[in-house]
PDB file of N, CA and C in Angstrom:
ATOM      1  N   UNK A   1      20.612 -11.922  14.426  1.00  0.00           N
ATOM      2  CA  UNK A   1      19.224 -12.376  14.449  1.00  0.00           C
ATOM      3  C   UNK A   1      18.318 -11.199  14.095  1.00  0.00           C
ATOM      4  N   UNK A   2      17.469 -11.393  13.113  1.00  0.00           N
ATOM      5  CA  UNK A   2      16.534 -10.358  12.695  1.00  0.00           C
ATOM      6  C   UNK A   2      15.249 -10.525  13.489  1.00  0.00           C
ATOM      7  N   UNK A   3      14.838  -9.475  14.159  1.00  0.00           N
ATOM      8  CA  UNK A   3      13.588  -9.506  14.907  1.00  0.00           C
ATOM      9  C   UNK A   3      12.714  -8.322  14.533  1.00  0.00           C
ATOM     10  N   UNK A   4      11.424  -8.603  14.468  1.00  0.00           N
ATOM     11  CA  UNK A   4      10.421  -7.573  14.214  1.00  0.00           C
ATOM     12  C   UNK A   4       9.364  -7.693  15.304  1.00  0.00           C
ATOM     13  N   UNK A   5       9.108  -6.611  16.013  1.00  0.00           N
ATOM     14  CA  UNK A   5       8.183  -6.655  17.143  1.00  0.00           C
ATOM     15  C   UNK A   5       7.088  -5.623  16.928  1.00  0.00           C
ATOM     16  N   UNK A   6       5.857  -6.130  16.776  1.00  0.00           N
ATOM     17  CA  UNK A   6       4.709  -5.246  16.552  1.00  0.00           C
ATOM     18  C   UNK A   6       4.059  -4.834  17.862  1.00  0.00           C
ATOM     19  N   UNK A   7       3.367  -3.730  17.803  1.00  0.00           N
ATOM     20  CA  UNK A   7       2.530  -3.273  18.908  1.00  0.00           C
ATOM     21  C   UNK A   7       1.492  -2.309  18.352  1.00  0.00           C
ATOM     22  N   UNK A   8       0.505  -1.994  19.195  1.00  0.00           N
ATOM     23  CA  UNK A   8      -0.467  -0.990  18.811  1.00  0.00           C
ATOM     24  C   UNK A   8      -1.828  -1.511  18.429  1.00  0.00           C
ATOM     25  N   UNK A   9      -1.999  -2.827  18.396  1.00  0.00           N
ATOM     26  CA  UNK A   9      -3.305  -3.364  18.067  1.00  0.00           C
ATOM     27  C   UNK A   9      -4.298  -3.107  19.181  1.00  0.00           C
ATOM     28  N   UNK A  10      -5.563  -3.370  18.866  1.00  0.00           N
ATOM     29  CA  UNK A  10      -6.594  -3.168  19.868  1.00  0.00           C
ATOM     30  C   UNK A  10      -7.966  -3.169  19.270  1.00  0.00           C
ATOM     31  N   UNK A  11      -8.918  -2.709  20.053  1.00  0.00           N
ATOM     32  CA  UNK A  11     -10.318  -2.638  19.644  1.00  0.00           C
ATOM     33  C   UNK A  11     -10.651  -1.198  19.285  1.00  0.00           C
ATOM     34  N   UNK A  12     -11.267  -1.017  18.134  1.00  0.00           N
ATOM     35  CA  UNK A  12     -11.633   0.324  17.679  1.00  0.00           C
ATOM     36  C   UNK A  12     -12.993   0.252  16.980  1.00  0.00           C
ATOM     37  N   UNK A  13     -13.736   1.320  17.056  1.00  0.00           N
ATOM     38  CA  UNK A  13     -15.036   1.369  16.386  1.00  0.00           C
ATOM     39  C   UNK A  13     -14.874   1.636  14.893  1.00  0.00           C
ATOM     40  N   UNK A  14     -15.815   1.178  14.128  1.00  0.00           N
ATOM     41  CA  UNK A  14     -15.806   1.441  12.687  1.00  0.00           C
ATOM     42  C   UNK A  14     -15.743   2.948  12.438  1.00  0.00           C
ATOM     43  N   UNK A  15     -14.905   3.315  11.474  1.00  0.00           N
ATOM     44  CA  UNK A  15     -14.686   4.720  11.174  1.00  0.00           C
ATOM     45  C   UNK A  15     -13.527   5.330  11.925  1.00  0.00           C
ATOM     46  N   UNK A  16     -13.020   4.610  12.901  1.00  0.00           N
ATOM     47  CA  UNK A  16     -11.923   5.111  13.714  1.00  0.00           C
ATOM     48  C   UNK A  16     -10.569   4.882  13.084  1.00  0.00           C
ATOM     49  N   UNK A  17      -9.541   5.254  13.834  1.00  0.00           N
ATOM     50  CA  UNK A  17      -8.166   5.154  13.370  1.00  0.00           C
ATOM     51  C   UNK A  17      -7.312   4.398  14.381  1.00  0.00           C
ATOM     52  N   UNK A  18      -6.248   3.828  13.875  1.00  0.00           N
ATOM     53  CA  UNK A  18      -5.305   3.097  14.709  1.00  0.00           C
ATOM     54  C   UNK A  18      -3.952   3.115  14.013  1.00  0.00           C
ATOM     55  N   UNK A  19      -2.881   3.194  14.791  1.00  0.00           N
ATOM     56  CA  UNK A  19      -1.539   3.136  14.223  1.00  0.00           C
ATOM     57  C   UNK A  19      -0.776   1.980  14.849  1.00  0.00           C
ATOM     58  N   UNK A  20      -0.299   1.088  14.008  1.00  0.00           N
ATOM     59  CA  UNK A  20       0.520  -0.029  14.447  1.00  0.00           C
ATOM     60  C   UNK A  20       1.994   0.335  14.306  1.00  0.00           C
ATOM     61  N   UNK A  21       2.813  -0.226  15.188  1.00  0.00           N
ATOM     62  CA  UNK A  21       4.254   0.002  15.149  1.00  0.00           C
ATOM     63  C   UNK A  21       4.983  -1.324  15.027  1.00  0.00           C
ATOM     64  N   UNK A  22       6.115  -1.290  14.356  1.00  0.00           N
ATOM     65  CA  UNK A  22       6.961  -2.471  14.230  1.00  0.00           C
ATOM     66  C   UNK A  22       8.404  -2.020  14.414  1.00  0.00           C
ATOM     67  N   UNK A  23       9.012  -2.475  15.501  1.00  0.00           N
ATOM     68  CA  UNK A  23      10.401  -2.122  15.782  1.00  0.00           C
ATOM     69  C   UNK A  23      11.307  -3.232  15.275  1.00  0.00           C
ATOM     70  N   UNK A  24      12.302  -2.852  14.487  1.00  0.00           N
ATOM     71  CA  UNK A  24      13.225  -3.822  13.890  1.00  0.00           C
ATOM     72  C   UNK A  24      14.534  -3.872  14.668  1.00  0.00           C
ATOM     73  N   UNK A  25      15.168  -5.035  14.619  1.00  0.00           N
ATOM     74  CA  UNK A  25      16.454  -5.187  15.300  1.00  0.00           C
ATOM     75  C   UNK A  25      17.613  -4.697  14.435  1.00  0.00           C
ATOM     76  N   UNK A  26      17.325  -4.412  13.162  1.00  0.00           N
ATOM     77  CA  UNK A  26      18.335  -3.910  12.238  1.00  0.00           C
ATOM     78  C   UNK A  26      17.975  -2.513  11.775  1.00  0.00           C
ATOM     79  N   UNK A  27      18.965  -1.822  11.259  1.00  0.00           N
ATOM     80  CA  UNK A  27      18.725  -0.569  10.564  1.00  0.00           C
ATOM     81  C   UNK A  27      17.722  -0.845   9.438  1.00  0.00           C
ATOM     82  N   UNK A  28      16.736   0.026   9.299  1.00  0.00           N
ATOM     83  CA  UNK A  28      15.691  -0.206   8.301  1.00  0.00           C
ATOM     84  C   UNK A  28      16.258  -0.264   6.882  1.00  0.00           C
ATOM     85  N   UNK A  29      17.363   0.380   6.655  1.00  0.00           N
ATOM     86  CA  UNK A  29      17.953   0.369   5.319  1.00  0.00           C
ATOM     87  C   UNK A  29      18.611  -0.973   4.997  1.00  0.00           C
ATOM     88  N   UNK A  30      18.641  -1.881   5.979  1.00  0.00           N
ATOM     89  CA  UNK A  30      19.123  -3.243   5.740  1.00  0.00           C
ATOM     90  C   UNK A  30      18.064  -4.096   5.047  1.00  0.00           C
ATOM     91  N   UNK A  31      16.828  -3.617   5.076  1.00  0.00           N
ATOM     92  CA  UNK A  31      15.711  -4.362   4.502  1.00  0.00           C
ATOM     93  C   UNK A  31      15.459  -3.910   3.061  1.00  0.00           C
ATOM     94  N   UNK A  32      15.427  -4.879   2.147  1.00  0.00           N
ATOM     95  CA  UNK A  32      15.053  -4.570   0.771  1.00  0.00           C
ATOM     96  C   UNK A  32      13.569  -4.235   0.676  1.00  0.00           C
ATOM     97  N   UNK A  33      12.807  -4.849   1.567  1.00  0.00           N
ATOM     98  CA  UNK A  33      11.361  -4.686   1.546  1.00  0.00           C
ATOM     99  C   UNK A  33      10.851  -4.741   2.975  1.00  0.00           C
ATOM    100  N   UNK A  34       9.943  -3.857   3.309  1.00  0.00           N
ATOM    101  CA  UNK A  34       9.272  -3.832   4.612  1.00  0.00           C
ATOM    102  C   UNK A  34       7.790  -3.687   4.371  1.00  0.00           C
ATOM    103  N   UNK A  35       7.005  -4.236   5.291  1.00  0.00           N
ATOM    104  CA  UNK A  35       5.580  -4.043   5.067  1.00  0.00           C
ATOM    105  C   UNK A  35       4.703  -4.690   6.110  1.00  0.00           C
ATOM    106  N   UNK A  36       3.429  -4.704   5.780  1.00  0.00           N
ATOM    107  CA  UNK A  36       2.409  -5.259   6.657  1.00  0.00           C
ATOM    108  C   UNK A  36       1.513  -6.215   5.880  1.00  0.00           C
ATOM    109  N   UNK A  37       1.199  -7.326   6.530  1.00  0.00           N
ATOM    110  CA  UNK A  37       0.242  -8.295   6.034  1.00  0.00           C
ATOM    111  C   UNK A  37      -0.787  -8.511   7.142  1.00  0.00           C
ATOM    112  N   UNK A  38      -1.894  -9.136   6.773  1.00  0.00           N
ATOM    113  CA  UNK A  38      -2.896  -9.451   7.785  1.00  0.00           C
ATOM    114  C   UNK A  38      -3.545 -10.786   7.497  1.00  0.00           C
ATOM    115  N   UNK A  39      -4.096 -11.378   8.554  1.00  0.00           N
ATOM    116  CA  UNK A  39      -4.790 -12.663   8.409  1.00  0.00           C
ATOM    117  C   UNK A  39      -6.038 -12.637   9.274  1.00  0.00           C
ATOM    118  N   UNK A  40      -7.171 -12.745   8.615  1.00  0.00           N
ATOM    119  CA  UNK A  40      -8.460 -12.818   9.293  1.00  0.00           C
ATOM    120  C   UNK A  40      -8.776 -14.277   9.594  1.00  0.00           C
ATOM    121  N   UNK A  41      -9.641 -14.526  10.571  1.00  0.00           N
ATOM    122  CA  UNK A  41      -9.984 -15.913  10.913  1.00  0.00           C
ATOM    123  C   UNK A  41     -10.507 -16.679   9.704  1.00  0.00           C
ATOM    124  N   UNK A  42      -9.963 -17.858   9.477  1.00  0.00           N
ATOM    125  CA  UNK A  42     -10.414 -18.699   8.384  1.00  0.00           C
ATOM    126  C   UNK A  42      -9.939 -18.277   7.013  1.00  0.00           C
ATOM    127  N   UNK A  43      -9.071 -17.264   6.960  1.00  0.00           N
ATOM    128  CA  UNK A  43      -8.597 -16.777   5.660  1.00  0.00           C
ATOM    129  C   UNK A  43      -7.076 -16.851   5.589  1.00  0.00           C
ATOM    130  N   UNK A  44      -6.569 -16.761   4.365  1.00  0.00           N
ATOM    131  CA  UNK A  44      -5.124 -16.757   4.169  1.00  0.00           C
ATOM    132  C   UNK A  44      -4.545 -15.389   4.509  1.00  0.00           C
ATOM    133  N   UNK A  45      -3.271 -15.398   4.814  1.00  0.00           N
ATOM    134  CA  UNK A  45      -2.573 -14.143   5.046  1.00  0.00           C
ATOM    135  C   UNK A  45      -2.526 -13.356   3.745  1.00  0.00           C
ATOM    136  N   UNK A  46      -2.785 -12.048   3.843  1.00  0.00           N
ATOM    137  CA  UNK A  46      -2.845 -11.227   2.630  1.00  0.00           C
ATOM    138  C   UNK A  46      -2.047  -9.952   2.795  1.00  0.00           C
ATOM    139  N   UNK A  47      -1.630  -9.424   1.681  1.00  0.00           N
ATOM    140  CA  UNK A  47      -0.883  -8.170   1.659  1.00  0.00           C
ATOM    141  C   UNK A  47      -1.757  -7.014   2.116  1.00  0.00           C
ATOM    142  N   UNK A  48      -1.180  -6.149   2.938  1.00  0.00           N
ATOM    143  CA  UNK A  48      -1.793  -4.856   3.225  1.00  0.00           C
ATOM    144  C   UNK A  48      -1.021  -3.800   2.441  1.00  0.00           C
ATOM    145  N   UNK A  49       0.242  -3.627   2.779  1.00  0.00           N
ATOM    146  CA  UNK A  49       1.069  -2.664   2.056  1.00  0.00           C
ATOM    147  C   UNK A  49       2.541  -2.932   2.328  1.00  0.00           C
ATOM    148  N   UNK A  50       3.388  -2.655   1.334  1.00  0.00           N
ATOM    149  CA  UNK A  50       4.829  -2.789   1.480  1.00  0.00           C
ATOM    150  C   UNK A  50       5.521  -1.548   0.931  1.00  0.00           C
ATOM    151  N   UNK A  51       6.781  -1.386   1.352  1.00  0.00           N
ATOM    152  CA  UNK A  51       7.605  -0.285   0.845  1.00  0.00           C
ATOM    153  C   UNK A  51       9.006  -0.837   0.569  1.00  0.00           C
ATOM    154  N   UNK A  52       9.553  -0.486  -0.583  1.00  0.00           N
ATOM    155  CA  UNK A  52      10.903  -0.924  -0.937  1.00  0.00           C
ATOM    156  C   UNK A  52      11.930   0.003  -0.295  1.00  0.00           C
ATOM    157  N   UNK A  53      13.183  -0.404  -0.363  1.00  0.00           N
ATOM    158  CA  UNK A  53      14.258   0.420   0.179  1.00  0.00           C
ATOM    159  C   UNK A  53      14.304   1.774  -0.528  1.00  0.00           C
ATOM    160  N   UNK A  54      13.837   1.791  -1.772  1.00  0.00           N
ATOM    161  CA  UNK A  54      13.815   3.042  -2.530  1.00  0.00           C
ATOM    162  C   UNK A  54      12.594   3.896  -2.271  1.00  0.00           C
ATOM    163  N   UNK A  55      11.648   3.361  -1.489  1.00  0.00           N
ATOM    164  CA  UNK A  55      10.473   4.149  -1.138  1.00  0.00           C
ATOM    165  C   UNK A  55       9.225   3.860  -1.967  1.00  0.00           C
ATOM    166  N   UNK A  56       9.305   2.915  -2.874  1.00  0.00           N
ATOM    167  CA  UNK A  56       8.119   2.556  -3.665  1.00  0.00           C
ATOM    168  C   UNK A  56       7.172   1.708  -2.831  1.00  0.00           C
ATOM    169  N   UNK A  57       5.895   2.028  -2.899  1.00  0.00           N
ATOM    170  CA  UNK A  57       4.906   1.292  -2.118  1.00  0.00           C
ATOM    171  C   UNK A  57       4.019   0.441  -3.012  1.00  0.00           C
ATOM    172  N   UNK A  58       3.487  -0.603  -2.411  1.00  0.00           N
ATOM    173  CA  UNK A  58       2.537  -1.488  -3.075  1.00  0.00           C
ATOM    174  C   UNK A  58       1.464  -1.818  -2.059  1.00  0.00           C
ATOM    175  N   UNK A  59       0.212  -1.495  -2.378  1.00  0.00           N
ATOM    176  CA  UNK A  59      -0.863  -1.674  -1.414  1.00  0.00           C
ATOM    177  C   UNK A  59      -2.017  -2.443  -2.034  1.00  0.00           C
ATOM    178  N   UNK A  60      -2.746  -3.152  -1.183  1.00  0.00           N
ATOM    179  CA  UNK A  60      -3.956  -3.819  -1.643  1.00  0.00           C
ATOM    180  C   UNK A  60      -5.003  -2.765  -1.978  1.00  0.00           C
ATOM    181  N   UNK A  61      -5.966  -3.151  -2.779  1.00  0.00           N
ATOM    182  CA  UNK A  61      -7.045  -2.223  -3.120  1.00  0.00           C
ATOM    183  C   UNK A  61      -7.774  -1.774  -1.859  1.00  0.00           C
ATOM    184  N   UNK A  62      -7.896  -2.697  -0.903  1.00  0.00           N
ATOM    185  CA  UNK A  62      -8.598  -2.372   0.340  1.00  0.00           C
ATOM    186  C   UNK A  62      -7.861  -1.318   1.151  1.00  0.00           C
ATOM    187  N   UNK A  63      -6.552  -1.311   1.060  1.00  0.00           N
ATOM    188  CA  UNK A  63      -5.744  -0.396   1.864  1.00  0.00           C
ATOM    189  C   UNK A  63      -5.558   0.968   1.206  1.00  0.00           C
ATOM    190  N   UNK A  64      -5.643   1.020  -0.099  1.00  0.00           N
ATOM    191  CA  UNK A  64      -5.389   2.279  -0.814  1.00  0.00           C
ATOM    192  C   UNK A  64      -6.346   3.374  -0.366  1.00  0.00           C
ATOM    193  N   UNK A  65      -5.771   4.508  -0.052  1.00  0.00           N
ATOM    194  CA  UNK A  65      -6.566   5.653   0.371  1.00  0.00           C
ATOM    195  C   UNK A  65      -6.923   5.670   1.847  1.00  0.00           C
ATOM    196  N   UNK A  66      -6.693   4.550   2.539  1.00  0.00           N
ATOM    197  CA  UNK A  66      -7.027   4.488   3.969  1.00  0.00           C
ATOM    198  C   UNK A  66      -5.813   4.197   4.848  1.00  0.00           C
ATOM    199  N   UNK A  67      -4.895   3.361   4.348  1.00  0.00           N
ATOM    200  CA  UNK A  67      -3.747   2.939   5.151  1.00  0.00           C
ATOM    201  C   UNK A  67      -2.471   3.531   4.567  1.00  0.00           C
ATOM    202  N   UNK A  68      -1.553   3.920   5.460  1.00  0.00           N
ATOM    203  CA  UNK A  68      -0.281   4.501   5.034  1.00  0.00           C
ATOM    204  C   UNK A  68       0.864   3.833   5.793  1.00  0.00           C
ATOM    205  N   UNK A  69       1.907   3.483   5.071  1.00  0.00           N
ATOM    206  CA  UNK A  69       3.097   2.917   5.704  1.00  0.00           C
ATOM    207  C   UNK A  69       4.141   4.026   5.835  1.00  0.00           C
ATOM    208  N   UNK A  70       4.730   4.105   7.020  1.00  0.00           N
ATOM    209  CA  UNK A  70       5.687   5.175   7.323  1.00  0.00           C
ATOM    210  C   UNK A  70       6.934   4.558   7.953  1.00  0.00           C
ATOM    211  N   UNK A  71       8.086   4.964   7.477  1.00  0.00           N
ATOM    212  CA  UNK A  71       9.341   4.470   8.035  1.00  0.00           C
ATOM    213  C   UNK A  71      10.031   5.575   8.851  1.00  0.00           C
ATOM    214  N   UNK A  72      10.522   5.197  10.014  1.00  0.00           N
ATOM    215  CA  UNK A  72      11.338   6.094  10.839  1.00  0.00           C
ATOM    216  C   UNK A  72      12.681   5.403  11.044  1.00  0.00           C
ATOM    217  N   UNK A  73      13.670   5.782  10.249  1.00  0.00           N
ATOM    218  CA  UNK A  73      14.958   5.089  10.293  1.00  0.00           C
ATOM    219  C   UNK A  73      15.709   5.352  11.590  1.00  0.00           C
ATOM    220  N   UNK A  74      15.479   6.500  12.220  1.00  0.00           N
ATOM    221  CA  UNK A  74      16.156   6.789  13.478  1.00  0.00           C
ATOM    222  C   UNK A  74      15.662   5.863  14.576  1.00  0.00           C
ATOM    223  N   UNK A  75      14.359   5.638  14.619  1.00  0.00           N
ATOM    224  CA  UNK A  75      13.769   4.761  15.636  1.00  0.00           C
ATOM    225  C   UNK A  75      13.748   3.299  15.197  1.00  0.00           C
ATOM    226  N   UNK A  76      14.198   3.003  13.979  1.00  0.00           N
ATOM    227  CA  UNK A  76      14.160   1.639  13.427  1.00  0.00           C
ATOM    228  C   UNK A  76      12.748   1.074  13.513  1.00  0.00           C
ATOM    229  N   UNK A  77      11.777   1.913  13.180  1.00  0.00           N
ATOM    230  CA  UNK A  77      10.377   1.547  13.329  1.00  0.00           C
ATOM    231  C   UNK A  77       9.620   1.828  12.038  1.00  0.00           C
ATOM    232  N   UNK A  78       8.764   0.891  11.676  1.00  0.00           N
ATOM    233  CA  UNK A  78       7.856   1.096  10.550  1.00  0.00           C
ATOM    234  C   UNK A  78       6.432   1.095  11.099  1.00  0.00           C
ATOM    235  N   UNK A  79       5.655   2.051  10.664  1.00  0.00           N
ATOM    236  CA  UNK A  79       4.298   2.240  11.168  1.00  0.00           C
ATOM    237  C   UNK A  79       3.284   1.907  10.090  1.00  0.00           C
ATOM    238  N   UNK A  80       2.114   1.480  10.543  1.00  0.00           N
ATOM    239  CA  UNK A  80       0.968   1.351   9.644  1.00  0.00           C
ATOM    240  C   UNK A  80      -0.127   2.237  10.217  1.00  0.00           C
ATOM    241  N   UNK A  81      -0.357   3.322   9.532  1.00  0.00           N
ATOM    242  CA  UNK A  81      -1.394   4.264   9.950  1.00  0.00           C
ATOM    243  C   UNK A  81      -2.689   3.871   9.239  1.00  0.00           C
ATOM    244  N   UNK A  82      -3.712   3.563  10.021  1.00  0.00           N
ATOM    245  CA  UNK A  82      -4.965   3.058   9.469  1.00  0.00           C
ATOM    246  C   UNK A  82      -6.101   4.025   9.813  1.00  0.00           C
ATOM    247  N   UNK A  83      -6.797   4.489   8.797  1.00  0.00           N
ATOM    248  CA  UNK A  83      -7.934   5.397   8.969  1.00  0.00           C
ATOM    249  C   UNK A  83      -9.190   4.774   8.379  1.00  0.00           C
ATOM    250  N   UNK A  84     -10.322   5.318   8.779  1.00  0.00           N
ATOM    251  CA  UNK A  84     -11.621   4.861   8.253  1.00  0.00           C
ATOM    252  C   UNK A  84     -11.749   3.346   8.346  1.00  0.00           C
ATOM    253  N   UNK A  85     -11.459   2.819   9.503  1.00  0.00           N
ATOM    254  CA  UNK A  85     -11.458   1.371   9.681  1.00  0.00           C
ATOM    255  C   UNK A  85     -12.856   0.792   9.540  1.00  0.00           C
ATOM    256  N   UNK A  86     -12.898  -0.437   9.000  1.00  0.00           N
ATOM    257  CA  UNK A  86     -14.148  -1.147   8.773  1.00  0.00           C
ATOM    258  C   UNK A  86     -14.100  -2.484   9.519  1.00  0.00           C
ATOM    259  N   UNK A  87     -15.264  -3.054   9.824  1.00  0.00           N
ATOM    260  CA  UNK A  87     -15.262  -4.365  10.499  1.00  0.00           C
ATOM    261  C   UNK A  87     -14.465  -5.423   9.729  1.00  0.00           C
ATOM    262  N   UNK A  88     -14.460  -5.328   8.408  1.00  0.00           N
ATOM    263  CA  UNK A  88     -13.713  -6.312   7.615  1.00  0.00           C
ATOM    264  C   UNK A  88     -12.206  -6.135   7.699  1.00  0.00           C
ATOM    265  N   UNK A  89     -11.749  -5.093   8.367  1.00  0.00           N
ATOM    266  CA  UNK A  89     -10.314  -4.940   8.618  1.00  0.00           C
ATOM    267  C   UNK A  89      -9.866  -5.740   9.837  1.00  0.00           C
ATOM    268  N   UNK A  90     -10.808  -6.346  10.526  1.00  0.00           N
ATOM    269  CA  UNK A  90     -10.475  -7.159  11.692  1.00  0.00           C
ATOM    270  C   UNK A  90      -9.574  -8.320  11.286  1.00  0.00           C
ATOM    271  N   UNK A  91      -8.417  -8.421  11.938  1.00  0.00           N
ATOM    272  CA  UNK A  91      -7.432  -9.443  11.581  1.00  0.00           C
ATOM    273  C   UNK A  91      -6.242  -9.343  12.526  1.00  0.00           C
ATOM    274  N   UNK A  92      -5.372 -10.331  12.433  1.00  0.00           N
ATOM    275  CA  UNK A  92      -4.053 -10.220  13.041  1.00  0.00           C
ATOM    276  C   UNK A  92      -3.133  -9.595  11.995  1.00  0.00           C
ATOM    277  N   UNK A  93      -2.458  -8.541  12.390  1.00  0.00           N
ATOM    278  CA  UNK A  93      -1.578  -7.810  11.474  1.00  0.00           C
ATOM    279  C   UNK A  93      -0.129  -8.172  11.778  1.00  0.00           C
ATOM    280  N   UNK A  94       0.593  -8.510  10.702  1.00  0.00           N
ATOM    281  CA  UNK A  94       1.973  -8.959  10.824  1.00  0.00           C
ATOM    282  C   UNK A  94       2.916  -7.998  10.118  1.00  0.00           C
ATOM    283  N   UNK A  95       3.991  -7.688  10.804  1.00  0.00           N
ATOM    284  CA  UNK A  95       5.071  -6.925  10.196  1.00  0.00           C
ATOM    285  C   UNK A  95       5.969  -7.891   9.419  1.00  0.00           C
ATOM    286  N   UNK A  96       6.453  -7.444   8.274  1.00  0.00           N
ATOM    287  CA  UNK A  96       7.265  -8.295   7.397  1.00  0.00           C
ATOM    288  C   UNK A  96       8.500  -7.529   6.955  1.00  0.00           C
ATOM    289  N   UNK A  97       9.617  -8.254   6.879  1.00  0.00           N
ATOM    290  CA  UNK A  97      10.836  -7.646   6.367  1.00  0.00           C
ATOM    291  C   UNK A  97      11.666  -8.636   5.584  1.00  0.00           C
ATOM    292  N   UNK A  98      12.226  -8.175   4.481  1.00  0.00           N
ATOM    293  CA  UNK A  98      13.088  -9.017   3.649  1.00  0.00           C
ATOM    294  C   UNK A  98      14.497  -8.428   3.656  1.00  0.00           C
ATOM    295  N   UNK A  99      15.453  -9.267   4.081  1.00  0.00           N
ATOM    296  CA  UNK A  99      16.860  -8.914   3.993  1.00  0.00           C
ATOM    297  C   UNK A  99      17.547  -9.934   3.090  1.00  0.00           C
ATOM    298  N   UNK A 100      18.836  -9.778   2.872  1.00  0.00           N
ATOM    299  CA  UNK A 100      19.528 -10.648   1.922  1.00  0.00           C
ATOM    300  C   UNK A 100      19.463 -12.116   2.333  1.00  0.00           C
ATOM    301  N   UNK A 101      19.358 -12.349   3.645  1.00  0.00           N
ATOM    302  CA  UNK A 101      19.391 -13.742   4.125  1.00  0.00           C
ATOM    303  C   UNK A 101      18.006 -14.387   4.176  1.00  0.00           C
ATOM    304  N   UNK A 102      16.952 -13.630   3.897  1.00  0.00           N
ATOM    305  CA  UNK A 102      15.628 -14.232   3.889  1.00  0.00           C
ATOM    306  C   UNK A 102      14.527 -13.310   4.353  1.00  0.00           C
ATOM    307  N   UNK A 103      13.371 -13.905   4.562  1.00  0.00           N
ATOM    308  CA  UNK A 103      12.169 -13.186   4.978  1.00  0.00           C
ATOM    309  C   UNK A 103      11.921 -13.385   6.459  1.00  0.00           C
ATOM    310  N   UNK A 104      11.450 -12.322   7.109  1.00  0.00           N
ATOM    311  CA  UNK A 104      11.195 -12.383   8.540  1.00  0.00           C
ATOM    312  C   UNK A 104       9.829 -11.784   8.863  1.00  0.00           C
ATOM    313  N   UNK A 105       9.224 -12.350   9.911  1.00  0.00           N
ATOM    314  CA  UNK A 105       7.885 -11.922  10.334  1.00  0.00           C
ATOM    315  C   UNK A 105       7.876 -11.599  11.812  1.00  0.00           C
ATOM    316  N   UNK A 106       7.015 -10.653  12.167  1.00  0.00           N
ATOM    317  CA  UNK A 106       6.760 -10.407  13.570  1.00  0.00           C
ATOM    318  C   UNK A 106       5.764 -11.413  14.107  1.00  0.00           C
ATOM    319  N   UNK A 107       5.432 -11.275  15.378  1.00  0.00           N
ATOM    320  CA  UNK A 107       4.545 -12.239  16.027  1.00  0.00           C
ATOM    321  C   UNK A 107       3.076 -11.918  15.785  1.00  0.00           C
ATOM    322  N   UNK A 108       2.791 -10.728  15.300  1.00  0.00           N
ATOM    323  CA  UNK A 108       1.420 -10.331  14.999  1.00  0.00           C
ATOM    324  C   UNK A 108       0.774  -9.536  16.123  1.00  0.00           C
ATOM    325  N   UNK A 109      -0.136  -8.671  15.732  1.00  0.00           N
ATOM    326  CA  UNK A 109      -0.913  -7.897  16.705  1.00  0.00           C
ATOM    327  C   UNK A 109      -2.365  -7.857  16.243  1.00  0.00           C
ATOM    328  N   UNK A 110      -3.275  -8.086  17.166  1.00  0.00           N
ATOM    329  CA  UNK A 110      -4.699  -8.207  16.824  1.00  0.00           C
ATOM    330  C   UNK A 110      -5.338  -6.829  16.687  1.00  0.00           C
ATOM    331  N   UNK A 111      -6.058  -6.649  15.595  1.00  0.00           N
ATOM    332  CA  UNK A 111      -6.883  -5.460  15.386  1.00  0.00           C
ATOM    333  C   UNK A 111      -8.323  -5.915  15.238  1.00  0.00           C
ATOM    334  N   UNK A 112      -9.202  -5.361  16.054  1.00  0.00           N
ATOM    335  CA  UNK A 112     -10.617  -5.693  15.999  1.00  0.00           C
ATOM    336  C   UNK A 112     -11.412  -4.420  15.804  1.00  0.00           C
ATOM    337  N   UNK A 113     -12.231  -4.393  14.758  1.00  0.00           N
ATOM    338  CA  UNK A 113     -13.049  -3.226  14.440  1.00  0.00           C
ATOM    339  C   UNK A 113     -14.504  -3.596  14.677  1.00  0.00           C
ATOM    340  N   UNK A 114     -15.140  -2.894  15.591  1.00  0.00           N
ATOM    341  CA  UNK A 114     -16.535  -3.172  15.912  1.00  0.00           C
ATOM    342  C   UNK A 114     -17.462  -2.297  15.068  1.00  0.00           C
ATOM    343  N   UNK A 115     -18.620  -2.857  14.758  1.00  0.00           N
ATOM    344  CA  UNK A 115     -19.577  -2.116  13.914  1.00  0.00           C
ATOM    345  C   UNK A 115     -20.509  -1.260  14.763  1.00  0.00           C
TER     346      UNK A 115
END
């Protein structure tokens, strides 16, 4: 069973920083793709950033220059380091992983950025 468990969400002021964590039940190298998505109220889920098994990243324009995805294979954890947060970053953030048998999602963690 593939499980992804997020943590680290919370309330932060605009301009602040926050780091989300996602602990996987598998070795991270089992995932062809790992990443983060988010969903704001009334909006569709959207890409934040992903990283391939080879280390190539793909990020939304909104995330570029502010958000960084980091993998720790020893801890089986993928992090989303978020800087210069804006109120429009407020959303539920989901960890995502793709293995050979399919796509998996975490339960989500709420990030709220106050102005």
